[in-house]
Amino acid sequence: MDMEHKEAGALKNEIKKELKLIYKANMEASGWDIPERNDEEMSKLILEAMQNALDELKKEV
């Protein structure tokens, strides 16, 4: 296995943790702005926004 794959494997868990933190932070912040929000719908919208950002990043690199 080459060094890039080893490094990517090591980063996998860290990236997963960071994505969860981003998701949770946005869910929490949306609760401040929309106290009566539908959690399931907000979750879908946040995950969609995160996926769109990842898709755009893929196109850039």
C-alpha atoms as a PDB file:
ATOM      1  CA  MET A   1       0.000   0.000   0.000  1.00  0.00           C
ATOM      2  CA  ASP A   2       1.401   3.382  -0.937  1.00  0.00           C
ATOM      3  CA  MET A   3       1.790   6.278   1.488  1.00  0.00           C
ATOM      4  CA  GLU A   4      -1.240   8.179   0.141  1.00  0.00           C
ATOM      5  CA  HIS A   5      -3.562   5.257   0.889  1.00  0.00           C
ATOM      6  CA  LYS A   6      -2.093   4.781   4.346  1.00  0.00           C
ATOM      7  CA  GLU A   7      -2.527   8.459   5.153  1.00  0.00           C
ATOM      8  CA  ALA A   8      -6.081   8.513   3.756  1.00  0.00           C
ATOM      9  CA  GLY A   9      -6.949   5.524   5.915  1.00  0.00           C
ATOM     10  CA  ALA A  10      -5.621   7.281   8.983  1.00  0.00           C
ATOM     11  CA  LEU A  11      -7.608  10.411   8.160  1.00  0.00           C
ATOM     12  CA  LYS A  12     -10.874   8.548   7.537  1.00  0.00           C
ATOM     13  CA  ASN A  13     -11.981   8.502  11.181  1.00  0.00           C
ATOM     14  CA  GLU A  14     -10.902  12.087  11.746  1.00  0.00           C
ATOM     15  CA  ILE A  15     -12.877  13.268   8.714  1.00  0.00           C
ATOM     16  CA  LYS A  16     -15.933  11.333   9.903  1.00  0.00           C
ATOM     17  CA  LYS A  17     -15.708  12.988  13.342  1.00  0.00           C
ATOM     18  CA  GLU A  18     -15.363  16.438  11.783  1.00  0.00           C
ATOM     19  CA  LEU A  19     -18.372  15.902   9.508  1.00  0.00           C
ATOM     20  CA  LYS A  20     -20.467  14.842  12.499  1.00  0.00           C
ATOM     21  CA  LEU A  21     -19.401  17.995  14.343  1.00  0.00           C
ATOM     22  CA  ILE A  22     -20.389  20.167  11.371  1.00  0.00           C
ATOM     23  CA  TYR A  23     -23.754  18.425  11.134  1.00  0.00           C
ATOM     24  CA  LYS A  24     -24.458  18.722  14.869  1.00  0.00           C
ATOM     25  CA  ALA A  25     -23.399  22.374  14.962  1.00  0.00           C
ATOM     26  CA  ASN A  26     -25.762  23.214  12.116  1.00  0.00           C
ATOM     27  CA  MET A  27     -28.633  21.288  13.693  1.00  0.00           C
ATOM     28  CA  GLU A  28     -28.064  23.142  16.947  1.00  0.00           C
ATOM     29  CA  ALA A  29     -27.808  26.544  15.267  1.00  0.00           C
ATOM     30  CA  SER A  30     -30.968  25.960  13.248  1.00  0.00           C
ATOM     31  CA  GLY A  31     -32.786  25.269  16.509  1.00  0.00           C
ATOM     32  CA  TRP A  32     -31.969  28.772  17.672  1.00  0.00           C
ATOM     33  CA  ASP A  33     -33.424  30.304  14.512  1.00  0.00           C
ATOM     34  CA  ILE A  34     -36.385  27.958  14.125  1.00  0.00           C
ATOM     35  CA  PRO A  35     -37.538  26.754  17.555  1.00  0.00           C
ATOM     36  CA  GLU A  36     -40.531  24.867  16.094  1.00  0.00           C
ATOM     37  CA  ARG A  37     -38.508  23.206  13.322  1.00  0.00           C
ATOM     38  CA  ASN A  38     -39.135  19.716  11.983  1.00  0.00           C
ATOM     39  CA  ASP A  39     -35.938  17.895  12.985  1.00  0.00           C
ATOM     40  CA  GLU A  40     -36.231  15.268  10.272  1.00  0.00           C
ATOM     41  CA  GLU A  41     -36.701  17.846   7.510  1.00  0.00           C
ATOM     42  CA  MET A  42     -33.907  20.064   8.845  1.00  0.00           C
ATOM     43  CA  SER A  43     -31.595  17.068   9.019  1.00  0.00           C
ATOM     44  CA  LYS A  44     -32.319  16.231   5.373  1.00  0.00           C
ATOM     45  CA  LEU A  45     -31.673  19.831   4.315  1.00  0.00           C
ATOM     46  CA  ILE A  46     -28.377  20.050   6.208  1.00  0.00           C
ATOM     47  CA  LEU A  47     -27.158  16.718   4.821  1.00  0.00           C
ATOM     48  CA  GLU A  48     -28.151  17.820   1.312  1.00  0.00           C
ATOM     49  CA  ALA A  49     -26.186  21.054   1.725  1.00  0.00           C
ATOM     50  CA  MET A  50     -23.163  19.126   2.987  1.00  0.00           C
ATOM     51  CA  GLN A  51     -23.379  16.690   0.044  1.00  0.00           C
ATOM     52  CA  ASN A  52     -23.654  19.586  -2.424  1.00  0.00           C
ATOM     53  CA  ALA A  53     -20.547  21.165  -0.907  1.00  0.00           C
ATOM     54  CA  LEU A  54     -18.662  17.858  -1.237  1.00  0.00           C
ATOM     55  CA  ASP A  55     -19.792  17.486  -4.840  1.00  0.00           C
ATOM     56  CA  GLU A  56     -18.575  21.007  -5.645  1.00  0.00           C
ATOM     57  CA  LEU A  57     -15.239  20.297  -3.958  1.00  0.00           C
ATOM     58  CA  LYS A  58     -14.825  17.142  -6.046  1.00  0.00           C
ATOM     59  CA  LYS A  59     -15.270  19.203  -9.196  1.00  0.00           C
ATOM     60  CA  GLU A  60     -12.663  21.739  -8.038  1.00  0.00           C
ATOM     61  CA  VAL A  61      -9.884  19.234  -7.329  1.00  0.00           C
END
